[in-house]
Amino acid sequence: MACTGIDIGSAFDCENPIVAAVNQRLILINQNDYNEAVVTYDGTLTSLIANIVLAAGGKQGYAFEGIRATLQPQSAFIPGVSSSGYDHQLDFVVFDISQEQKDNLQKMGLGKMVAIVENANAVGNANSVFEVFGKDVGLELITNVRINGDQDTSGGFAIQLKTSDNQGKEPKLPTSWWDTDYLTTKAKVDTLLIPTV
């Protein structure tokens, strides 16, 4: 495949438009665990993830739930001198201020994450209802701020995970995860939250 040049156009779907919203559940996986997972791709569209199976021994994803629009994923093209890439970024709020969660967030600052996000409108988003952020380079903790009396966060932790500014960019946009239909794919995504035996 040539490195330059597009090969499809785009039409606006009046009946099932995309929706500027995401499901307020973020699933995070330690990048080391993702790197050890078995990731399979679609037989026809080889850049489309068909399944992610984490290794046995308790490897799993962890769900962080938000409300309204506290989860804000985004990606941006970053041109470079000799190569270009993408920043993947997730802004979200952790509404748990227990000591256990503080310890957990401190550990987050020492590693890298891979994230799964569910976009709103399962029909209008076609095979991009679920997207995987940070699968090649990983997401680093950039911001962890808690303002006890802040009304926007209800006094929770305002977290930002992002592609590193000095360790290379993601080579591609967030990768879609899809197999057959919404319910099939969601069931596979949900298995990440159950430790394998």
N, C-alpha and C. Protein backbone atom coordinates (compact mmCIF):
# COMPACT_ATOMS: atom_id res chain seq x y z
N MET A 1 0.84 -1.18 0.00
CA MET A 1 0.00 0.00 0.00
C MET A 1 0.88 1.23 0.00
N ALA A 2 0.55 2.21 -0.82
CA ALA A 2 1.31 3.45 -0.86
C ALA A 2 1.13 4.21 0.45
N CYS A 3 2.16 4.96 0.84
CA CYS A 3 2.10 5.71 2.09
C CYS A 3 1.30 7.00 1.95
N THR A 4 1.05 7.45 0.74
CA THR A 4 0.32 8.71 0.56
C THR A 4 -0.88 8.50 -0.33
N GLY A 5 -1.85 9.39 -0.20
CA GLY A 5 -3.02 9.34 -1.07
C GLY A 5 -4.20 8.67 -0.41
N ILE A 6 -5.37 9.28 -0.51
CA ILE A 6 -6.58 8.70 0.06
C ILE A 6 -7.24 7.79 -0.97
N ASP A 7 -8.14 6.92 -0.50
CA ASP A 7 -8.78 6.01 -1.46
C ASP A 7 -10.29 5.87 -1.26
N ILE A 8 -10.88 6.63 -0.35
CA ILE A 8 -12.34 6.69 -0.25
C ILE A 8 -12.76 8.11 0.11
N GLY A 9 -14.01 8.44 -0.16
CA GLY A 9 -14.58 9.72 0.25
C GLY A 9 -15.48 9.52 1.45
N SER A 10 -16.37 10.48 1.73
CA SER A 10 -17.25 10.39 2.88
C SER A 10 -18.56 11.09 2.59
N ALA A 11 -19.66 10.48 3.03
CA ALA A 11 -20.98 11.08 2.88
C ALA A 11 -21.59 11.28 4.26
N PHE A 12 -22.49 12.23 4.37
CA PHE A 12 -23.21 12.45 5.62
C PHE A 12 -24.44 11.57 5.65
N ASP A 13 -24.60 10.77 6.70
CA ASP A 13 -25.74 9.87 6.85
C ASP A 13 -26.85 10.60 7.61
N CYS A 14 -27.87 11.03 6.88
CA CYS A 14 -28.96 11.80 7.50
C CYS A 14 -29.76 10.97 8.49
N GLU A 15 -29.88 9.67 8.23
CA GLU A 15 -30.69 8.80 9.08
C GLU A 15 -29.96 8.39 10.35
N ASN A 16 -28.65 8.19 10.24
CA ASN A 16 -27.86 7.74 11.39
C ASN A 16 -26.56 8.53 11.49
N PRO A 17 -26.65 9.81 11.83
CA PRO A 17 -25.43 10.62 11.92
C PRO A 17 -24.59 10.22 13.13
N ILE A 18 -23.29 10.51 13.04
CA ILE A 18 -22.48 10.29 14.23
C ILE A 18 -22.92 11.27 15.31
N VAL A 19 -22.60 10.94 16.54
CA VAL A 19 -23.03 11.75 17.68
C VAL A 19 -21.79 12.20 18.45
N ALA A 20 -21.74 13.47 18.80
CA ALA A 20 -20.60 14.02 19.52
C ALA A 20 -20.71 13.69 21.01
N ALA A 21 -20.56 12.41 21.33
CA ALA A 21 -20.65 11.98 22.72
C ALA A 21 -20.02 10.60 22.86
N VAL A 22 -19.65 10.26 24.08
CA VAL A 22 -19.12 8.94 24.37
C VAL A 22 -19.82 8.37 25.60
N ASN A 23 -19.88 7.06 25.66
CA ASN A 23 -20.35 6.37 26.84
C ASN A 23 -19.38 6.72 27.97
N GLN A 24 -19.90 7.02 29.14
CA GLN A 24 -19.05 7.49 30.24
C GLN A 24 -18.44 6.34 31.04
N ARG A 25 -17.95 5.35 30.32
CA ARG A 25 -17.17 4.27 30.94
C ARG A 25 -15.87 4.14 30.15
N LEU A 26 -14.78 4.33 30.84
CA LEU A 26 -13.45 4.20 30.26
C LEU A 26 -12.82 2.92 30.79
N ILE A 27 -12.27 2.10 29.90
CA ILE A 27 -11.57 0.90 30.33
C ILE A 27 -10.08 1.12 30.10
N LEU A 28 -9.30 0.97 31.16
CA LEU A 28 -7.85 1.11 31.07
C LEU A 28 -7.17 -0.23 31.30
N ILE A 29 -6.13 -0.46 30.50
CA ILE A 29 -5.31 -1.67 30.60
C ILE A 29 -3.87 -1.22 30.74
N ASN A 30 -3.14 -1.83 31.66
CA ASN A 30 -1.71 -1.55 31.73
C ASN A 30 -1.07 -1.91 30.39
N GLN A 31 -0.23 -1.03 29.86
CA GLN A 31 0.34 -1.29 28.54
C GLN A 31 1.12 -2.60 28.50
N ASN A 32 1.81 -2.94 29.58
CA ASN A 32 2.54 -4.20 29.60
C ASN A 32 1.60 -5.38 29.41
N ASP A 33 0.41 -5.31 30.02
CA ASP A 33 -0.57 -6.38 29.88
C ASP A 33 -1.13 -6.42 28.46
N TYR A 34 -1.35 -5.24 27.86
CA TYR A 34 -1.83 -5.20 26.48
C TYR A 34 -0.78 -5.80 25.54
N ASN A 35 0.47 -5.50 25.78
CA ASN A 35 1.54 -6.02 24.91
C ASN A 35 1.64 -7.54 24.96
N GLU A 36 1.18 -8.14 26.05
CA GLU A 36 1.21 -9.59 26.19
C GLU A 36 -0.10 -10.24 25.73
N ALA A 37 -1.08 -9.43 25.37
CA ALA A 37 -2.39 -9.95 24.95
C ALA A 37 -2.33 -10.53 23.54
N VAL A 38 -3.30 -11.36 23.23
CA VAL A 38 -3.47 -11.85 21.86
C VAL A 38 -4.48 -10.92 21.19
N VAL A 39 -4.00 -10.16 20.22
CA VAL A 39 -4.84 -9.21 19.50
C VAL A 39 -5.05 -9.74 18.09
N THR A 40 -6.31 -9.96 17.71
CA THR A 40 -6.59 -10.45 16.36
C THR A 40 -7.27 -9.33 15.56
N TYR A 41 -7.03 -9.39 14.25
CA TYR A 41 -7.55 -8.36 13.36
C TYR A 41 -8.53 -8.97 12.36
N ASP A 42 -9.38 -8.13 11.84
CA ASP A 42 -10.39 -8.54 10.87
C ASP A 42 -9.73 -9.13 9.63
N GLY A 43 -10.34 -10.15 9.07
CA GLY A 43 -9.76 -10.80 7.90
C GLY A 43 -9.83 -9.97 6.64
N THR A 44 -10.77 -9.04 6.56
CA THR A 44 -10.92 -8.21 5.37
C THR A 44 -10.28 -6.84 5.55
N LEU A 45 -10.64 -6.15 6.61
CA LEU A 45 -10.07 -4.84 6.92
C LEU A 45 -8.98 -5.06 7.96
N THR A 46 -7.76 -5.23 7.52
CA THR A 46 -6.69 -5.71 8.39
C THR A 46 -6.25 -4.72 9.46
N SER A 47 -6.72 -3.49 9.40
CA SER A 47 -6.40 -2.53 10.46
C SER A 47 -7.47 -2.48 11.54
N LEU A 48 -8.53 -3.28 11.41
CA LEU A 48 -9.65 -3.30 12.35
C LEU A 48 -9.45 -4.42 13.37
N ILE A 49 -9.42 -4.08 14.66
CA ILE A 49 -9.29 -5.09 15.70
C ILE A 49 -10.57 -5.91 15.78
N ALA A 50 -10.42 -7.24 15.84
CA ALA A 50 -11.57 -8.14 15.99
C ALA A 50 -11.71 -8.64 17.42
N ASN A 51 -10.58 -8.75 18.14
CA ASN A 51 -10.66 -9.21 19.52
C ASN A 51 -9.35 -8.94 20.24
N ILE A 52 -9.46 -8.77 21.55
CA ILE A 52 -8.30 -8.64 22.43
C ILE A 52 -8.51 -9.62 23.58
N VAL A 53 -7.59 -10.54 23.74
CA VAL A 53 -7.66 -11.52 24.82
C VAL A 53 -6.42 -11.33 25.68
N LEU A 54 -6.63 -10.92 26.92
CA LEU A 54 -5.52 -10.70 27.84
C LEU A 54 -4.98 -12.04 28.33
N ALA A 55 -3.72 -12.02 28.71
CA ALA A 55 -3.06 -13.25 29.19
C ALA A 55 -3.71 -13.72 30.48
N ALA A 56 -3.55 -15.02 30.75
CA ALA A 56 -4.07 -15.59 31.99
C ALA A 56 -3.27 -15.06 33.17
N GLY A 57 -3.77 -15.34 34.36
CA GLY A 57 -3.06 -14.92 35.56
C GLY A 57 -3.57 -13.62 36.15
N GLY A 58 -4.82 -13.29 35.90
CA GLY A 58 -5.40 -12.11 36.51
C GLY A 58 -5.23 -10.83 35.74
N LYS A 59 -4.71 -10.88 34.52
CA LYS A 59 -4.59 -9.66 33.71
C LYS A 59 -5.99 -9.20 33.32
N GLN A 60 -6.27 -7.92 33.49
CA GLN A 60 -7.60 -7.44 33.18
C GLN A 60 -7.59 -5.94 32.93
N GLY A 61 -8.72 -5.44 32.41
CA GLY A 61 -8.93 -4.02 32.28
C GLY A 61 -9.67 -3.51 33.51
N TYR A 62 -9.62 -2.20 33.70
CA TYR A 62 -10.24 -1.58 34.86
C TYR A 62 -11.15 -0.45 34.38
N ALA A 63 -12.41 -0.47 34.82
CA ALA A 63 -13.39 0.51 34.38
C ALA A 63 -13.39 1.73 35.30
N PHE A 64 -13.38 2.90 34.68
CA PHE A 64 -13.53 4.17 35.39
C PHE A 64 -14.81 4.81 34.85
N GLU A 65 -15.78 4.99 35.72
CA GLU A 65 -17.07 5.50 35.28
C GLU A 65 -17.19 6.99 35.57
N GLY A 66 -17.79 7.68 34.59
CA GLY A 66 -18.03 9.11 34.75
C GLY A 66 -19.50 9.42 34.61
N ILE A 67 -19.80 10.68 34.45
CA ILE A 67 -21.18 11.12 34.30
C ILE A 67 -21.21 12.31 33.34
N ARG A 68 -22.30 12.40 32.59
CA ARG A 68 -22.50 13.47 31.61
C ARG A 68 -21.35 13.51 30.61
N ALA A 69 -20.44 14.47 30.75
CA ALA A 69 -19.34 14.59 29.78
C ALA A 69 -18.00 14.70 30.49
N THR A 70 -17.84 13.91 31.58
CA THR A 70 -16.57 13.98 32.29
C THR A 70 -15.46 13.22 31.57
N LEU A 71 -15.82 12.29 30.68
CA LEU A 71 -14.82 11.60 29.86
C LEU A 71 -14.74 12.28 28.50
N GLN A 72 -13.57 12.76 28.14
CA GLN A 72 -13.37 13.48 26.88
C GLN A 72 -12.16 12.92 26.14
N PRO A 73 -12.36 11.94 25.24
CA PRO A 73 -11.24 11.43 24.44
C PRO A 73 -11.03 12.30 23.20
N GLN A 74 -9.80 12.36 22.74
CA GLN A 74 -9.51 13.08 21.51
C GLN A 74 -8.21 12.59 20.90
N SER A 75 -8.04 12.85 19.62
CA SER A 75 -6.80 12.54 18.92
C SER A 75 -6.49 13.68 17.98
N ALA A 76 -5.19 13.90 17.74
CA ALA A 76 -4.78 15.03 16.90
C ALA A 76 -3.54 14.65 16.10
N PHE A 77 -3.52 15.05 14.84
CA PHE A 77 -2.37 14.83 13.97
C PHE A 77 -1.24 15.78 14.38
N ILE A 78 -0.04 15.24 14.52
CA ILE A 78 1.13 16.02 14.90
C ILE A 78 2.19 15.88 13.82
N PRO A 79 2.34 16.89 12.95
CA PRO A 79 3.35 16.80 11.90
C PRO A 79 4.76 16.96 12.48
N GLY A 80 5.70 16.20 11.93
CA GLY A 80 7.08 16.28 12.37
C GLY A 80 8.01 16.58 11.22
N VAL A 81 9.28 16.77 11.53
CA VAL A 81 10.28 17.08 10.50
C VAL A 81 10.51 15.88 9.59
N SER A 82 10.75 14.71 10.19
CA SER A 82 11.03 13.53 9.38
C SER A 82 9.91 12.50 9.40
N SER A 83 9.03 12.58 10.39
CA SER A 83 7.89 11.68 10.45
C SER A 83 6.76 12.37 11.21
N SER A 84 5.56 11.90 10.98
CA SER A 84 4.39 12.46 11.64
C SER A 84 3.67 11.39 12.44
N GLY A 85 2.83 11.79 13.33
CA GLY A 85 2.09 10.83 14.13
C GLY A 85 0.88 11.49 14.75
N TYR A 86 0.36 10.87 15.79
CA TYR A 86 -0.87 11.33 16.42
C TYR A 86 -0.73 11.35 17.94
N ASP A 87 -1.29 12.37 18.55
CA ASP A 87 -1.48 12.40 19.99
C ASP A 87 -2.83 11.79 20.31
N HIS A 88 -2.85 10.83 21.21
CA HIS A 88 -4.09 10.31 21.77
C HIS A 88 -4.21 10.90 23.16
N GLN A 89 -5.40 11.33 23.54
CA GLN A 89 -5.57 12.00 24.83
C GLN A 89 -6.92 11.65 25.44
N LEU A 90 -6.92 11.44 26.75
CA LEU A 90 -8.15 11.17 27.49
C LEU A 90 -8.17 12.05 28.72
N ASP A 91 -9.20 12.87 28.83
CA ASP A 91 -9.43 13.66 30.03
C ASP A 91 -10.65 13.06 30.73
N PHE A 92 -10.51 12.75 32.01
CA PHE A 92 -11.63 12.16 32.75
C PHE A 92 -11.50 12.49 34.22
N VAL A 93 -12.55 12.20 34.97
CA VAL A 93 -12.58 12.46 36.40
C VAL A 93 -12.73 11.14 37.14
N VAL A 94 -11.94 10.96 38.18
CA VAL A 94 -12.07 9.81 39.07
C VAL A 94 -12.81 10.27 40.31
N PHE A 95 -13.99 9.72 40.53
CA PHE A 95 -14.86 10.15 41.62
C PHE A 95 -14.69 9.30 42.87
N ASP A 96 -13.49 8.86 43.10
CA ASP A 96 -13.17 8.02 44.26
C ASP A 96 -11.91 8.61 44.89
N ILE A 97 -12.02 9.08 46.13
CA ILE A 97 -10.86 9.70 46.77
C ILE A 97 -10.33 8.86 47.93
N SER A 98 -10.67 7.56 47.92
CA SER A 98 -10.20 6.67 48.98
C SER A 98 -8.68 6.53 48.90
N GLN A 99 -8.09 6.09 49.99
CA GLN A 99 -6.64 5.87 50.00
C GLN A 99 -6.25 4.80 48.98
N GLU A 100 -7.11 3.80 48.82
CA GLU A 100 -6.81 2.75 47.82
C GLU A 100 -6.71 3.36 46.43
N GLN A 101 -7.62 4.30 46.11
CA GLN A 101 -7.58 4.93 44.79
C GLN A 101 -6.39 5.87 44.66
N LYS A 102 -6.05 6.57 45.73
CA LYS A 102 -4.85 7.41 45.69
C LYS A 102 -3.62 6.57 45.38
N ASP A 103 -3.50 5.42 46.04
CA ASP A 103 -2.37 4.52 45.76
C ASP A 103 -2.39 4.07 44.30
N ASN A 104 -3.59 3.78 43.80
CA ASN A 104 -3.76 3.33 42.42
C ASN A 104 -3.32 4.40 41.43
N LEU A 105 -3.75 5.64 41.66
CA LEU A 105 -3.40 6.73 40.75
C LEU A 105 -1.92 7.06 40.80
N GLN A 106 -1.30 6.88 41.97
CA GLN A 106 0.15 7.06 42.05
C GLN A 106 0.86 6.03 41.18
N LYS A 107 0.37 4.79 41.17
CA LYS A 107 0.94 3.75 40.31
C LYS A 107 0.73 4.11 38.84
N MET A 108 -0.42 4.72 38.51
CA MET A 108 -0.69 5.11 37.14
C MET A 108 0.40 6.07 36.63
N GLY A 109 0.92 6.90 37.52
CA GLY A 109 1.95 7.85 37.14
C GLY A 109 3.29 7.21 36.83
N LEU A 110 3.44 5.93 37.15
CA LEU A 110 4.72 5.23 36.93
C LEU A 110 4.69 4.31 35.72
N GLY A 111 3.53 4.18 35.08
CA GLY A 111 3.42 3.26 33.95
C GLY A 111 2.75 3.92 32.76
N LYS A 112 2.40 3.09 31.79
CA LYS A 112 1.65 3.56 30.61
C LYS A 112 0.38 2.73 30.48
N MET A 113 -0.63 3.35 29.85
CA MET A 113 -1.94 2.74 29.74
C MET A 113 -2.36 2.60 28.28
N VAL A 114 -3.27 1.67 28.04
CA VAL A 114 -4.02 1.55 26.79
C VAL A 114 -5.49 1.68 27.19
N ALA A 115 -6.28 2.38 26.38
CA ALA A 115 -7.65 2.69 26.77
C ALA A 115 -8.65 2.26 25.71
N ILE A 116 -9.84 1.84 26.17
CA ILE A 116 -10.95 1.52 25.27
C ILE A 116 -12.11 2.45 25.61
N VAL A 117 -12.63 3.10 24.57
CA VAL A 117 -13.71 4.07 24.69
C VAL A 117 -14.86 3.62 23.80
N GLU A 118 -16.10 3.81 24.27
CA GLU A 118 -17.28 3.50 23.47
C GLU A 118 -17.95 4.80 23.02
N ASN A 119 -18.03 5.00 21.72
CA ASN A 119 -18.69 6.18 21.17
C ASN A 119 -20.20 6.02 21.23
N ALA A 120 -20.91 7.14 21.27
CA ALA A 120 -22.36 7.10 21.27
C ALA A 120 -22.88 6.78 19.86
N ASN A 121 -24.08 6.25 19.78
CA ASN A 121 -24.78 5.89 18.53
C ASN A 121 -24.12 4.70 17.85
N ALA A 122 -24.53 3.52 18.29
CA ALA A 122 -23.96 2.28 17.75
C ALA A 122 -24.23 2.12 16.26
N VAL A 123 -25.30 2.73 15.75
CA VAL A 123 -25.62 2.59 14.32
C VAL A 123 -24.80 3.57 13.49
N GLY A 124 -24.82 4.83 13.85
CA GLY A 124 -24.15 5.85 13.05
C GLY A 124 -22.65 5.75 13.03
N ASN A 125 -22.07 5.09 14.02
CA ASN A 125 -20.61 4.97 14.06
C ASN A 125 -20.09 3.71 13.38
N ALA A 126 -20.97 2.95 12.78
CA ALA A 126 -20.58 1.76 12.01
C ALA A 126 -19.62 0.89 12.82
N ASN A 127 -18.41 0.61 12.27
CA ASN A 127 -17.48 -0.27 12.97
C ASN A 127 -16.55 0.49 13.92
N SER A 128 -16.87 1.74 14.23
CA SER A 128 -16.05 2.53 15.15
C SER A 128 -16.79 2.88 16.44
N VAL A 129 -17.66 2.01 16.88
CA VAL A 129 -18.33 2.25 18.16
C VAL A 129 -17.31 2.18 19.28
N PHE A 130 -16.43 1.18 19.23
CA PHE A 130 -15.38 1.03 20.23
C PHE A 130 -14.04 1.40 19.60
N GLU A 131 -13.25 2.20 20.33
CA GLU A 131 -11.94 2.61 19.84
C GLU A 131 -10.88 2.36 20.90
N VAL A 132 -9.68 1.98 20.43
CA VAL A 132 -8.56 1.68 21.31
C VAL A 132 -7.53 2.81 21.16
N PHE A 133 -7.24 3.46 22.28
CA PHE A 133 -6.30 4.57 22.31
C PHE A 133 -4.97 4.11 22.92
N GLY A 134 -3.87 4.53 22.32
CA GLY A 134 -2.55 4.29 22.91
C GLY A 134 -1.99 2.90 22.75
N LYS A 135 -2.48 2.12 21.79
CA LYS A 135 -2.06 0.72 21.70
C LYS A 135 -0.62 0.52 21.25
N ASP A 136 -0.03 1.48 20.58
CA ASP A 136 1.34 1.30 20.08
C ASP A 136 2.39 1.96 20.98
N VAL A 137 2.11 3.15 21.46
CA VAL A 137 3.08 3.91 22.27
C VAL A 137 2.68 3.95 23.73
N GLY A 138 1.40 3.90 24.01
CA GLY A 138 0.92 3.98 25.38
C GLY A 138 0.57 5.40 25.79
N LEU A 139 -0.26 5.51 26.80
CA LEU A 139 -0.70 6.80 27.33
C LEU A 139 -0.06 7.02 28.69
N GLU A 140 0.50 8.22 28.86
CA GLU A 140 1.14 8.57 30.12
C GLU A 140 0.24 9.49 30.94
N LEU A 141 0.38 9.42 32.26
CA LEU A 141 -0.32 10.35 33.13
C LEU A 141 0.35 11.71 33.02
N ILE A 142 -0.38 12.69 32.53
CA ILE A 142 0.13 14.06 32.37
C ILE A 142 -0.38 14.96 33.49
N THR A 143 -1.64 14.78 33.86
CA THR A 143 -2.26 15.62 34.88
C THR A 143 -3.03 14.77 35.88
N ASN A 144 -2.83 15.07 37.15
CA ASN A 144 -3.63 14.48 38.22
C ASN A 144 -3.84 15.60 39.24
N VAL A 145 -4.96 16.28 39.13
CA VAL A 145 -5.24 17.44 39.98
C VAL A 145 -6.55 17.20 40.73
N ARG A 146 -6.50 17.45 42.02
CA ARG A 146 -7.73 17.39 42.82
C ARG A 146 -7.88 18.70 43.57
N ILE A 147 -8.98 19.39 43.30
CA ILE A 147 -9.34 20.60 44.04
C ILE A 147 -10.58 20.23 44.85
N ASN A 148 -10.40 20.12 46.15
CA ASN A 148 -11.44 19.56 47.02
C ASN A 148 -12.81 20.19 46.83
N GLY A 149 -12.86 21.51 46.61
CA GLY A 149 -14.14 22.20 46.50
C GLY A 149 -14.59 22.48 45.09
N ASP A 150 -13.93 21.86 44.09
CA ASP A 150 -14.27 22.15 42.69
C ASP A 150 -15.63 21.55 42.33
N GLN A 151 -16.53 22.38 41.80
CA GLN A 151 -17.88 21.92 41.47
C GLN A 151 -17.91 21.08 40.20
N ASP A 152 -17.03 21.37 39.23
CA ASP A 152 -17.04 20.62 37.97
C ASP A 152 -16.63 19.17 38.16
N THR A 153 -15.76 18.90 39.13
CA THR A 153 -15.28 17.53 39.36
C THR A 153 -15.88 16.92 40.62
N SER A 154 -16.71 17.67 41.32
CA SER A 154 -17.26 17.23 42.62
C SER A 154 -16.15 16.89 43.61
N GLY A 155 -15.01 17.53 43.44
CA GLY A 155 -13.88 17.27 44.33
C GLY A 155 -13.13 16.00 44.00
N GLY A 156 -13.35 15.45 42.79
CA GLY A 156 -12.64 14.26 42.36
C GLY A 156 -11.30 14.61 41.73
N PHE A 157 -10.62 13.58 41.22
CA PHE A 157 -9.34 13.76 40.57
C PHE A 157 -9.54 14.02 39.08
N ALA A 158 -9.04 15.16 38.60
CA ALA A 158 -9.07 15.47 37.17
C ALA A 158 -7.82 14.86 36.55
N ILE A 159 -8.01 13.86 35.70
CA ILE A 159 -6.92 13.08 35.14
C ILE A 159 -6.80 13.36 33.65
N GLN A 160 -5.56 13.45 33.18
CA GLN A 160 -5.30 13.49 31.74
C GLN A 160 -4.23 12.45 31.41
N LEU A 161 -4.59 11.54 30.52
CA LEU A 161 -3.64 10.59 29.94
C LEU A 161 -3.39 11.01 28.51
N LYS A 162 -2.12 10.96 28.08
CA LYS A 162 -1.79 11.48 26.75
C LYS A 162 -0.55 10.79 26.22
N THR A 163 -0.43 10.77 24.90
CA THR A 163 0.79 10.32 24.25
C THR A 163 1.93 11.22 24.70
N SER A 164 3.07 10.61 24.95
CA SER A 164 4.23 11.37 25.43
C SER A 164 4.65 12.44 24.43
N ASP A 165 5.16 13.55 24.95
CA ASP A 165 5.70 14.60 24.08
C ASP A 165 7.15 14.33 23.69
N ASN A 166 7.81 13.40 24.34
CA ASN A 166 9.24 13.19 24.06
C ASN A 166 9.64 11.73 23.85
N GLN A 167 8.65 10.84 23.69
CA GLN A 167 8.98 9.43 23.47
C GLN A 167 8.30 8.86 22.24
N GLY A 168 8.05 9.68 21.24
CA GLY A 168 7.42 9.21 20.01
C GLY A 168 5.91 9.31 20.06
N LYS A 169 5.32 9.47 18.90
CA LYS A 169 3.88 9.60 18.77
C LYS A 169 3.25 8.29 18.32
N GLU A 170 1.95 8.19 18.53
CA GLU A 170 1.22 7.04 17.99
C GLU A 170 1.28 7.11 16.47
N PRO A 171 1.54 6.00 15.78
CA PRO A 171 1.65 6.04 14.33
C PRO A 171 0.31 6.22 13.62
N LYS A 172 -0.79 5.95 14.31
CA LYS A 172 -2.11 5.99 13.66
C LYS A 172 -3.15 6.59 14.60
N LEU A 173 -4.30 6.89 14.02
CA LEU A 173 -5.47 7.30 14.81
C LEU A 173 -5.89 6.15 15.73
N PRO A 174 -6.72 6.40 16.75
CA PRO A 174 -7.22 5.29 17.56
C PRO A 174 -7.84 4.20 16.69
N THR A 175 -7.55 2.96 17.02
CA THR A 175 -7.97 1.81 16.21
C THR A 175 -9.37 1.35 16.62
N SER A 176 -10.21 1.10 15.63
CA SER A 176 -11.56 0.61 15.90
C SER A 176 -11.53 -0.87 16.27
N TRP A 177 -12.46 -1.27 17.14
CA TRP A 177 -12.62 -2.67 17.55
C TRP A 177 -14.05 -3.06 17.22
N TRP A 178 -14.20 -4.05 16.35
CA TRP A 178 -15.55 -4.44 15.90
C TRP A 178 -15.55 -5.89 15.43
N ASP A 179 -16.58 -6.62 15.84
CA ASP A 179 -16.78 -7.98 15.35
C ASP A 179 -18.27 -8.22 15.16
N THR A 180 -18.71 -8.31 13.94
CA THR A 180 -20.07 -8.71 13.55
C THR A 180 -21.14 -7.65 13.85
N ASP A 181 -21.36 -7.35 15.12
CA ASP A 181 -22.40 -6.38 15.49
C ASP A 181 -22.07 -5.81 16.86
N TYR A 182 -22.92 -4.89 17.31
CA TYR A 182 -22.66 -4.19 18.57
C TYR A 182 -22.63 -5.14 19.76
N LEU A 183 -23.63 -6.01 19.89
CA LEU A 183 -23.70 -6.88 21.06
C LEU A 183 -22.53 -7.86 21.12
N THR A 184 -22.12 -8.38 19.97
CA THR A 184 -20.97 -9.29 19.93
C THR A 184 -19.72 -8.57 20.38
N THR A 185 -19.52 -7.37 19.86
CA THR A 185 -18.32 -6.61 20.19
C THR A 185 -18.33 -6.19 21.66
N LYS A 186 -19.47 -5.70 22.14
CA LYS A 186 -19.55 -5.26 23.54
C LYS A 186 -19.26 -6.42 24.49
N ALA A 187 -19.74 -7.62 24.16
CA ALA A 187 -19.47 -8.78 25.01
C ALA A 187 -17.98 -9.06 25.08
N LYS A 188 -17.28 -8.89 23.95
CA LYS A 188 -15.83 -9.12 23.95
C LYS A 188 -15.12 -8.04 24.75
N VAL A 189 -15.56 -6.78 24.60
CA VAL A 189 -14.96 -5.69 25.37
C VAL A 189 -15.16 -5.96 26.87
N ASP A 190 -16.36 -6.38 27.25
CA ASP A 190 -16.67 -6.59 28.66
C ASP A 190 -15.83 -7.70 29.29
N THR A 191 -15.36 -8.65 28.48
CA THR A 191 -14.54 -9.73 29.06
C THR A 191 -13.20 -9.20 29.56
N LEU A 192 -12.79 -8.01 29.11
CA LEU A 192 -11.54 -7.44 29.61
C LEU A 192 -11.62 -7.13 31.11
N LEU A 193 -12.83 -6.96 31.61
CA LEU A 193 -13.03 -6.62 33.01
C LEU A 193 -13.09 -7.83 33.91
N ILE A 194 -13.01 -9.02 33.31
CA ILE A 194 -13.07 -10.27 34.07
C ILE A 194 -11.70 -10.94 34.00
N PRO A 195 -11.02 -11.11 35.12
CA PRO A 195 -9.70 -11.77 35.05
C PRO A 195 -9.82 -13.17 34.47
N THR A 196 -8.92 -13.49 33.52
CA THR A 196 -8.91 -14.83 32.95
C THR A 196 -8.25 -15.80 33.92
N VAL A 197 -8.64 -17.07 33.83
CA VAL A 197 -8.11 -18.08 34.74
C VAL A 197 -7.17 -19.01 33.98
